[in-house]
Each structure stands twice: as C-alpha cells, then as structure tokens.
PDB file of N, CA and C in Angstrom:
ATOM      1  N   MET A   1     122.108 112.465 107.518  1.00  0.00           N
ATOM      2  CA  MET A   1     121.651 111.103 107.338  1.00  0.00           C
ATOM      3  C   MET A   1     120.637 111.093 106.195  1.00  0.00           C
ATOM      4  N   ILE A   2     120.640 110.004 105.429  1.00  0.00           N
ATOM      5  CA  ILE A   2     119.746 109.879 104.283  1.00  0.00           C
ATOM      6  C   ILE A   2     119.108 108.491 104.300  1.00  0.00           C
ATOM      7  N   ASP A   3     117.834 108.400 103.923  1.00  0.00           N
ATOM      8  CA  ASP A   3     117.161 107.111 103.794  1.00  0.00           C
ATOM      9  C   ASP A   3     117.382 106.580 102.384  1.00  0.00           C
ATOM     10  N   VAL A   4     117.280 105.254 102.232  1.00  0.00           N
ATOM     11  CA  VAL A   4     117.525 104.628 100.931  1.00  0.00           C
ATOM     12  C   VAL A   4     116.350 103.733 100.552  1.00  0.00           C
ATOM     13  N   VAL A   5     116.249 103.453  99.265  1.00  0.00           N
ATOM     14  CA  VAL A   5     115.250 102.518  98.755  1.00  0.00           C
ATOM     15  C   VAL A   5     115.997 101.309  98.219  1.00  0.00           C
ATOM     16  N   VAL A   6     115.581 100.132  98.656  1.00  0.00           N
ATOM     17  CA  VAL A   6     116.199  98.884  98.225  1.00  0.00           C
ATOM     18  C   VAL A   6     115.141  98.077  97.488  1.00  0.00           C
ATOM     19  N   THR A   7     115.405  97.738  96.237  1.00  0.00           N
ATOM     20  CA  THR A   7     114.442  96.949  95.472  1.00  0.00           C
ATOM     21  C   THR A   7     114.831  95.479  95.507  1.00  0.00           C
ATOM     22  N   THR A   8     113.827  94.631  95.552  1.00  0.00           N
ATOM     23  CA  THR A   8     114.037  93.196  95.483  1.00  0.00           C
ATOM     24  C   THR A   8     113.763  92.763  94.051  1.00  0.00           C
ATOM     25  N   PRO A   9     114.756  92.179  93.367  1.00  0.00           N
ATOM     26  CA  PRO A   9     114.498  91.699  92.007  1.00  0.00           C
ATOM     27  C   PRO A   9     113.363  90.671  92.012  1.00  0.00           C
ATOM     28  N   ALA A  10     112.554  90.668  90.978  1.00  0.00           N
ATOM     29  CA  ALA A  10     111.419  89.737  90.903  1.00  0.00           C
ATOM     30  C   ALA A  10     111.888  88.290  91.086  1.00  0.00           C
ATOM     31  N   SER A  11     113.074  87.982  90.586  1.00  0.00           N
ATOM     32  CA  SER A  11     113.590  86.614  90.699  1.00  0.00           C
ATOM     33  C   SER A  11     113.930  86.243  92.147  1.00  0.00           C
ATOM     34  N   GLU A  12     114.012  87.233  93.037  1.00  0.00           N
ATOM     35  CA  GLU A  12     114.350  86.986  94.440  1.00  0.00           C
ATOM     36  C   GLU A  12     113.182  87.179  95.391  1.00  0.00           C
ATOM     37  N   SER A  13     111.997  87.494  94.876  1.00  0.00           N
ATOM     38  CA  SER A  13     110.839  87.756  95.740  1.00  0.00           C
ATOM     39  C   SER A  13     110.495  86.575  96.629  1.00  0.00           C
ATOM     40  N   ASP A  14     110.542  85.369  96.092  1.00  0.00           N
ATOM     41  CA  ASP A  14     110.218  84.192  96.900  1.00  0.00           C
ATOM     42  C   ASP A  14     111.248  83.990  98.009  1.00  0.00           C
ATOM     43  N   ASN A  15     112.529  84.199  97.694  1.00  0.00           N
ATOM     44  CA  ASN A  15     113.570  84.070  98.712  1.00  0.00           C
ATOM     45  C   ASN A  15     113.407  85.133  99.795  1.00  0.00           C
ATOM     46  N   ALA A  16     113.040  86.358  99.400  1.00  0.00           N
ATOM     47  CA  ALA A  16     112.818  87.425 100.377  1.00  0.00           C
ATOM     48  C   ALA A  16     111.674  87.054 101.322  1.00  0.00           C
ATOM     49  N   ALA A  17     110.637  86.431 100.787  1.00  0.00           N
ATOM     50  CA  ALA A  17     109.507  86.000 101.615  1.00  0.00           C
ATOM     51  C   ALA A  17     109.950  84.912 102.599  1.00  0.00           C
ATOM     52  N   ARG A  18     110.814  84.004 102.149  1.00  0.00           N
ATOM     53  CA  ARG A  18     111.340  82.952 103.039  1.00  0.00           C
ATOM     54  C   ARG A  18     112.165  83.565 104.166  1.00  0.00           C
ATOM     55  N   GLU A  19     112.985  84.561 103.833  1.00  0.00           N
ATOM     56  CA  GLU A  19     113.788  85.232 104.851  1.00  0.00           C
ATOM     57  C   GLU A  19     112.888  85.892 105.894  1.00  0.00           C
ATOM     58  N   ALA A  20     111.855  86.574 105.431  1.00  0.00           N
ATOM     59  CA  ALA A  20     110.939  87.269 106.340  1.00  0.00           C
ATOM     60  C   ALA A  20     110.213  86.265 107.240  1.00  0.00           C
ATOM     61  N   ALA A  21     109.783  85.138 106.669  1.00  0.00           N
ATOM     62  CA  ALA A  21     109.063  84.129 107.440  1.00  0.00           C
ATOM     63  C   ALA A  21     109.965  83.482 108.493  1.00  0.00           C
ATOM     64  N   ALA A  22     111.253  83.391 108.195  1.00  0.00           N
ATOM     65  CA  ALA A  22     112.193  82.765 109.127  1.00  0.00           C
ATOM     66  C   ALA A  22     112.468  83.647 110.339  1.00  0.00           C
ATOM     67  N   GLY A  23     112.157  84.930 110.199  1.00  0.00           N
ATOM     68  CA  GLY A  23     112.422  85.850 111.303  1.00  0.00           C
ATOM     69  C   GLY A  23     113.920  86.024 111.473  1.00  0.00           C
ATOM     70  N   GLY A  24     114.361  86.201 112.677  1.00  0.00           N
ATOM     71  CA  GLY A  24     115.794  86.313 112.914  1.00  0.00           C
ATOM     72  C   GLY A  24     116.212  87.703 113.314  1.00  0.00           C
ATOM     73  N   GLY A  25     117.501  87.883 113.401  1.00  0.00           N
ATOM     74  CA  GLY A  25     118.043  89.121 113.903  1.00  0.00           C
ATOM     75  C   GLY A  25     118.210  90.229 112.884  1.00  0.00           C
ATOM     76  N   PHE A  26     118.600  89.859 111.645  1.00  0.00           N
ATOM     77  CA  PHE A  26     118.922  90.883 110.658  1.00  0.00           C
ATOM     78  C   PHE A  26     118.512  90.467 109.256  1.00  0.00           C
ATOM     79  N   TYR A  27     118.182  91.468 108.452  1.00  0.00           N
ATOM     80  CA  TYR A  27     118.055  91.289 107.011  1.00  0.00           C
ATOM     81  C   TYR A  27     119.310  91.892 106.408  1.00  0.00           C
ATOM     82  N   ILE A  28     119.851  91.247 105.413  1.00  0.00           N
ATOM     83  CA  ILE A  28     121.033  91.747 104.723  1.00  0.00           C
ATOM     84  C   ILE A  28     120.633  91.996 103.273  1.00  0.00           C
ATOM     85  N   ARG A  29     120.982  93.161 102.746  1.00  0.00           N
ATOM     86  CA  ARG A  29     120.698  93.477 101.349  1.00  0.00           C
ATOM     87  C   ARG A  29     121.965  93.970 100.670  1.00  0.00           C
ATOM     88  N   LYS A  30     122.285  93.353  99.530  1.00  0.00           N
ATOM     89  CA  LYS A  30     123.431  93.780  98.733  1.00  0.00           C
ATOM     90  C   LYS A  30     123.013  94.984  97.898  1.00  0.00           C
ATOM     91  N   VAL A  31     123.869  95.988  97.864  1.00  0.00           N
ATOM     92  CA  VAL A  31     123.590  97.198  97.098  1.00  0.00           C
ATOM     93  C   VAL A  31     124.802  97.515  96.224  1.00  0.00           C
ATOM     94  N   PRO A  32     124.565  98.177  95.076  1.00  0.00           N
ATOM     95  CA  PRO A  32     125.687  98.470  94.173  1.00  0.00           C
ATOM     96  C   PRO A  32     126.637  99.532  94.724  1.00  0.00           C
ATOM     97  N   PHE A  33     126.134 100.399  95.598  1.00  0.00           N
ATOM     98  CA  PHE A  33     126.957 101.432  96.221  1.00  0.00           C
ATOM     99  C   PHE A  33     126.247 101.935  97.469  1.00  0.00           C
ATOM    100  N   ILE A  34     126.985 102.623  98.298  1.00  0.00           N
ATOM    101  CA  ILE A  34     126.419 103.209  99.510  1.00  0.00           C
ATOM    102  C   ILE A  34     126.337 104.717  99.305  1.00  0.00           C
ATOM    103  N   PRO A  35     125.134 105.310  99.357  1.00  0.00           N
ATOM    104  CA  PRO A  35     125.026 106.762  99.217  1.00  0.00           C
ATOM    105  C   PRO A  35     125.872 107.471 100.283  1.00  0.00           C
ATOM    106  N   LYS A  36     126.406 108.596  99.920  1.00  0.00           N
ATOM    107  CA  LYS A  36     127.359 109.331 100.758  1.00  0.00           C
ATOM    108  C   LYS A  36     126.859 109.595 102.178  1.00  0.00           C
ATOM    109  N   LYS A  37     125.605 109.961 102.347  1.00  0.00           N
ATOM    110  CA  LYS A  37     125.095 110.320 103.674  1.00  0.00           C
ATOM    111  C   LYS A  37     124.333 109.187 104.361  1.00  0.00           C
ATOM    112  N   CYS A  38     124.385 107.979 103.814  1.00  0.00           N
ATOM    113  CA  CYS A  38     123.741 106.824 104.432  1.00  0.00           C
ATOM    114  C   CYS A  38     124.574 106.391 105.634  1.00  0.00           C
ATOM    115  N   ARG A  39     123.936 106.221 106.772  1.00  0.00           N
ATOM    116  CA  ARG A  39     124.618 105.889 108.024  1.00  0.00           C
ATOM    117  C   ARG A  39     123.799 104.856 108.809  1.00  0.00           C
ATOM    118  N   SER A  40     124.405 104.312 109.837  1.00  0.00           N
ATOM    119  CA  SER A  40     123.650 103.504 110.795  1.00  0.00           C
ATOM    120  C   SER A  40     122.543 104.400 111.339  1.00  0.00           C
ATOM    121  N   GLY A  41     121.342 103.869 111.413  1.00  0.00           N
ATOM    122  CA  GLY A  41     120.192 104.651 111.856  1.00  0.00           C
ATOM    123  C   GLY A  41     119.329 105.145 110.706  1.00  0.00           C
ATOM    124  N   SER A  42     119.875 105.143 109.476  1.00  0.00           N
ATOM    125  CA  SER A  42     119.071 105.499 108.299  1.00  0.00           C
ATOM    126  C   SER A  42     118.016 104.417 108.082  1.00  0.00           C
ATOM    127  N   LYS A  43     116.961 104.767 107.382  1.00  0.00           N
ATOM    128  CA  LYS A  43     115.928 103.788 107.051  1.00  0.00           C
ATOM    129  C   LYS A  43     116.186 103.228 105.659  1.00  0.00           C
ATOM    130  N   ALA A  44     115.924 101.938 105.503  1.00  0.00           N
ATOM    131  CA  ALA A  44     115.983 101.286 104.197  1.00  0.00           C
ATOM    132  C   ALA A  44     114.558 100.864 103.850  1.00  0.00           C
ATOM    133  N   PHE A  45     113.967 101.511 102.854  1.00  0.00           N
ATOM    134  CA  PHE A  45     112.616 101.177 102.404  1.00  0.00           C
ATOM    135  C   PHE A  45     112.707 100.048 101.394  1.00  0.00           C
ATOM    136  N   PHE A  46     111.890  99.006 101.579  1.00  0.00           N
ATOM    137  CA  PHE A  46     111.918  97.833 100.716  1.00  0.00           C
ATOM    138  C   PHE A  46     110.821  97.909  99.664  1.00  0.00           C
ATOM    139  N   VAL A  47     111.201  97.739  98.403  1.00  0.00           N
ATOM    140  CA  VAL A  47     110.253  97.671  97.292  1.00  0.00           C
ATOM    141  C   VAL A  47     110.309  96.247  96.734  1.00  0.00           C
ATOM    142  N   ASP A  48     109.151  95.607  96.662  1.00  0.00           N
ATOM    143  CA  ASP A  48     109.053  94.249  96.135  1.00  0.00           C
ATOM    144  C   ASP A  48     107.849  94.180  95.210  1.00  0.00           C
ATOM    145  N   ARG A  49     108.073  93.723  93.994  1.00  0.00           N
ATOM    146  CA  ARG A  49     107.015  93.595  92.983  1.00  0.00           C
ATOM    147  C   ARG A  49     106.274  94.914  92.755  1.00  0.00           C
ATOM    148  N   GLY A  50     107.040  96.016  92.792  1.00  0.00           N
ATOM    149  CA  GLY A  50     106.491  97.328  92.470  1.00  0.00           C
ATOM    150  C   GLY A  50     105.839  98.088  93.610  1.00  0.00           C
ATOM    151  N   PHE A  51     105.843  97.529  94.809  1.00  0.00           N
ATOM    152  CA  PHE A  51     105.194  98.188  95.947  1.00  0.00           C
ATOM    153  C   PHE A  51     106.169  98.348  97.107  1.00  0.00           C
ATOM    154  N   VAL A  52     106.057  99.474  97.810  1.00  0.00           N
ATOM    155  CA  VAL A  52     106.836  99.651  99.036  1.00  0.00           C
ATOM    156  C   VAL A  52     106.203  98.750 100.086  1.00  0.00           C
ATOM    157  N   ARG A  53     106.981  97.808 100.612  1.00  0.00           N
ATOM    158  CA  ARG A  53     106.463  96.827 101.571  1.00  0.00           C
ATOM    159  C   ARG A  53     106.699  97.230 103.017  1.00  0.00           C
ATOM    160  N   GLY A  54     107.578  98.198 103.226  1.00  0.00           N
ATOM    161  CA  GLY A  54     107.887  98.642 104.578  1.00  0.00           C
ATOM    162  C   GLY A  54     109.318  99.138 104.639  1.00  0.00           C
ATOM    163  N   TYR A  55     109.811  99.306 105.860  1.00  0.00           N
ATOM    164  CA  TYR A  55     111.185  99.746 106.022  1.00  0.00           C
ATOM    165  C   TYR A  55     111.786  99.152 107.284  1.00  0.00           C
ATOM    166  N   GLY A  56     113.096  99.181 107.340  1.00  0.00           N
ATOM    167  CA  GLY A  56     113.826  98.761 108.526  1.00  0.00           C
ATOM    168  C   GLY A  56     114.947  99.760 108.777  1.00  0.00           C
ATOM    169  N   VAL A  57     115.486  99.735 109.982  1.00  0.00           N
ATOM    170  CA  VAL A  57     116.557 100.645 110.358  1.00  0.00           C
ATOM    171  C   VAL A  57     117.907  99.961 110.109  1.00  0.00           C
ATOM    172  N   ILE A  58     118.783 100.678 109.417  1.00  0.00           N
ATOM    173  CA  ILE A  58     120.098 100.123 109.104  1.00  0.00           C
ATOM    174  C   ILE A  58     120.928 100.074 110.388  1.00  0.00           C
ATOM    175  N   GLU A  59     121.378  98.879 110.724  1.00  0.00           N
ATOM    176  CA  GLU A  59     122.215  98.668 111.910  1.00  0.00           C
ATOM    177  C   GLU A  59     123.677  98.984 111.584  1.00  0.00           C
ATOM    178  N   SER A  60     124.134  98.487 110.431  1.00  0.00           N
ATOM    179  CA  SER A  60     125.514  98.733 110.031  1.00  0.00           C
ATOM    180  C   SER A  60     125.637  98.609 108.519  1.00  0.00           C
ATOM    181  N   ILE A  61     126.747  99.125 108.015  1.00  0.00           N
ATOM    182  CA  ILE A  61     127.040  99.094 106.589  1.00  0.00           C
ATOM    183  C   ILE A  61     128.349  98.345 106.402  1.00  0.00           C
ATOM    184  N   ILE A  62     128.340  97.398 105.500  1.00  0.00           N
ATOM    185  CA  ILE A  62     129.532  96.599 105.211  1.00  0.00           C
ATOM    186  C   ILE A  62     129.996  96.999 103.817  1.00  0.00           C
ATOM    187  N   TYR A  63     131.151  97.633 103.747  1.00  0.00           N
ATOM    188  CA  TYR A  63     131.613  98.192 102.478  1.00  0.00           C
ATOM    189  C   TYR A  63     132.289  97.169 101.567  1.00  0.00           C
ATOM    190  N   ASN A  64     133.068  96.276 102.104  1.00  0.00           N
ATOM    191  CA  ASN A  64     133.761  95.276 101.286  1.00  0.00           C
ATOM    192  C   ASN A  64     133.669  93.937 101.999  1.00  0.00           C
ATOM    193  N   GLY A  65     132.502  93.329 101.914  1.00  0.00           N
ATOM    194  CA  GLY A  65     132.285  92.077 102.624  1.00  0.00           C
ATOM    195  C   GLY A  65     131.824  90.982 101.699  1.00  0.00           C
ATOM    196  N   ARG A  66     131.513  89.855 102.287  1.00  0.00           N
ATOM    197  CA  ARG A  66     130.981  88.704 101.559  1.00  0.00           C
ATOM    198  C   ARG A  66     129.838  88.162 102.409  1.00  0.00           C
ATOM    199  N   PHE A  67     128.780  87.672 101.762  1.00  0.00           N
ATOM    200  CA  PHE A  67     127.623  87.221 102.513  1.00  0.00           C
ATOM    201  C   PHE A  67     127.023  85.971 101.894  1.00  0.00           C
ATOM    202  N   VAL A  68     126.735  84.977 102.754  1.00  0.00           N
ATOM    203  CA  VAL A  68     125.990  83.776 102.374  1.00  0.00           C
ATOM    204  C   VAL A  68     124.757  83.739 103.272  1.00  0.00           C
ATOM    205  N   CYS A  69     123.569  83.706 102.661  1.00  0.00           N
ATOM    206  CA  CYS A  69     122.316  83.727 103.411  1.00  0.00           C
ATOM    207  C   CYS A  69     122.137  82.417 104.184  1.00  0.00           C
ATOM    208  N   GLU A  70     121.868  82.538 105.487  1.00  0.00           N
ATOM    209  CA  GLU A  70     121.651  81.358 106.322  1.00  0.00           C
ATOM    210  C   GLU A  70     120.340  80.658 106.013  1.00  0.00           C
ATOM    211  N   VAL A  71     119.351  81.398 105.517  1.00  0.00           N
ATOM    212  CA  VAL A  71     118.025  80.835 105.242  1.00  0.00           C
ATOM    213  C   VAL A  71     117.983  80.150 103.875  1.00  0.00           C
ATOM    214  N   THR A  72     118.447  80.843 102.842  1.00  0.00           N
ATOM    215  CA  THR A  72     118.333  80.325 101.477  1.00  0.00           C
ATOM    216  C   THR A  72     119.586  79.607 100.998  1.00  0.00           C
ATOM    217  N   GLY A  73     120.721  79.868 101.653  1.00  0.00           N
ATOM    218  CA  GLY A  73     121.976  79.261 101.241  1.00  0.00           C
ATOM    219  C   GLY A  73     122.646  79.964 100.070  1.00  0.00           C
ATOM    220  N   ARG A  74     122.047  81.039  99.587  1.00  0.00           N
ATOM    221  CA  ARG A  74     122.610  81.735  98.436  1.00  0.00           C
ATOM    222  C   ARG A  74     123.871  82.504  98.818  1.00  0.00           C
ATOM    223  N   ASP A  75     124.900  82.356  97.991  1.00  0.00           N
ATOM    224  CA  ASP A  75     126.141  83.099  98.164  1.00  0.00           C
ATOM    225  C   ASP A  75     126.023  84.386  97.357  1.00  0.00           C
ATOM    226  N   TRP A  76     125.972  85.521  98.048  1.00  0.00           N
ATOM    227  CA  TRP A  76     125.821  86.811  97.377  1.00  0.00           C
ATOM    228  C   TRP A  76     127.153  87.385  96.929  1.00  0.00           C
ATOM    229  N   GLY A  77     128.227  86.687  97.198  1.00  0.00           N
ATOM    230  CA  GLY A  77     129.535  87.159  96.768  1.00  0.00           C
ATOM    231  C   GLY A  77     129.995  88.345  97.587  1.00  0.00           C
ATOM    232  N   SER A  78     130.969  89.033  97.049  1.00  0.00           N
ATOM    233  CA  SER A  78     131.507  90.179  97.767  1.00  0.00           C
ATOM    234  C   SER A  78     130.884  91.464  97.251  1.00  0.00           C
ATOM    235  N   GLY A  79     130.921  92.493  98.085  1.00  0.00           N
ATOM    236  CA  GLY A  79     130.354  93.783  97.703  1.00  0.00           C
ATOM    237  C   GLY A  79     129.935  94.582  98.911  1.00  0.00           C
ATOM    238  N   CYS A  80     129.029  95.532  98.689  1.00  0.00           N
ATOM    239  CA  CYS A  80     128.492  96.400  99.745  1.00  0.00           C
ATOM    240  C   CYS A  80     127.164  95.829 100.233  1.00  0.00           C
ATOM    241  N   PHE A  81     126.989  95.813 101.549  1.00  0.00           N
ATOM    242  CA  PHE A  81     125.777  95.253 102.138  1.00  0.00           C
ATOM    243  C   PHE A  81     125.225  96.179 103.220  1.00  0.00           C
ATOM    244  N   LEU A  82     123.912  96.183 103.331  1.00  0.00           N
ATOM    245  CA  LEU A  82     123.234  96.868 104.432  1.00  0.00           C
ATOM    246  C   LEU A  82     122.752  95.807 105.402  1.00  0.00           C
ATOM    247  N   ARG A  83     123.032  95.982 106.663  1.00  0.00           N
ATOM    248  CA  ARG A  83     122.577  95.068 107.712  1.00  0.00           C
ATOM    249  C   ARG A  83     121.456  95.783 108.448  1.00  0.00           C
ATOM    250  N   ILE A  84     120.234  95.231 108.355  1.00  0.00           N
ATOM    251  CA  ILE A  84     119.025  95.900 108.840  1.00  0.00           C
ATOM    252  C   ILE A  84     118.394  95.062 109.953  1.00  0.00           C
ATOM    253  N   ARG A  85     118.157  95.687 111.087  1.00  0.00           N
ATOM    254  CA  ARG A  85     117.565  94.963 112.212  1.00  0.00           C
ATOM    255  C   ARG A  85     116.164  94.476 111.881  1.00  0.00           C
ATOM    256  N   ALA A  86     115.932  93.177 112.031  1.00  0.00           N
ATOM    257  CA  ALA A  86     114.609  92.617 111.733  1.00  0.00           C
ATOM    258  C   ALA A  86     113.548  93.160 112.677  1.00  0.00           C
ATOM    259  N   ASP A  87     113.914  93.437 113.925  1.00  0.00           N
ATOM    260  CA  ASP A  87     112.923  93.924 114.882  1.00  0.00           C
ATOM    261  C   ASP A  87     112.537  95.391 114.655  1.00  0.00           C
ATOM    262  N   SER A  88     113.201  96.050 113.697  1.00  0.00           N
ATOM    263  CA  SER A  88     112.858  97.437 113.382  1.00  0.00           C
ATOM    264  C   SER A  88     111.883  97.534 112.202  1.00  0.00           C
ATOM    265  N   TRP A  89     111.525  96.376 111.635  1.00  0.00           N
ATOM    266  CA  TRP A  89     110.661  96.347 110.437  1.00  0.00           C
ATOM    267  C   TRP A  89     109.314  96.974 110.729  1.00  0.00           C
ATOM    268  N   MET A  90     108.911  97.913 109.864  1.00  0.00           N
ATOM    269  CA  MET A  90     107.613  98.569 109.976  1.00  0.00           C
ATOM    270  C   MET A  90     106.866  98.413 108.668  1.00  0.00           C
TER     271      MET A  90
END
C-alpha cells in the first residue's frame, strides 16, 4: 500500500473550502493516474496553497468514471477519481 499527495489547484481552493464546510460523506478528487500500489485504505494527503492541510483515508478508487460535485455543481468529466471518507479527515 502507498500513500498519495493530492494538490488542489489555486483556482479550486475556494470550491474545496465550500466542500469541506458542507461536510458530507465523501470527498472526491480527480487524479491524472492511480499509482500502482495505491489501494483502499491508503492515505491521501491534501496540499492547498502550498501547505499540507491534512489527510483522509481512501475508501475506493474509480478508474474510469465521471463525477459532478453535489456542492459546487462542477462537472469534472471522466477520468480517475479517489473517493475519500470525510469522517477520516485528520
């Protein structure tokens, strides 16, 4: 198992804050690829505006999916996504 680092683009920092404030069951992050040893149970460390803000535990990995954010309404299109339990945030 391997942990990963997920960066939030500066243009998405405000949306990430809205997602966090809304709470909920899961955070979803689109990634360009899934590292070979990344599995459910791995940690995803979040970097926002140059600082590590914390981490969450990956619940599942979606290899070829599509995602529309319920909070912001943004359509992230298709690709690879990490589904991270909100209650695991540290």
